[in-house]
Amino acid sequence: MNARVKWVENVMFVAESATGHGIVIDGAPDSGGNNMGMRPMELVALGVGACSS
């Protein structure tokens, strides 16, 4: 399985899976982010939830 994560700015990243699906990862404004995407720990929680469903 391949995945690519590219830094955009500050704490914002764009991630793309091998199947071409993408997401924006970003932080809260008080952490230097722009609140434009999910937080990394939100993605972890979603992954755990999806794998255990």
Foldseek 3Di string as FASTA:
>chain_A
DDKDWADDDFAWIWIADPVGDIFIEFDDVVNVTDPPGHHPVVVVVVVVVVVVD
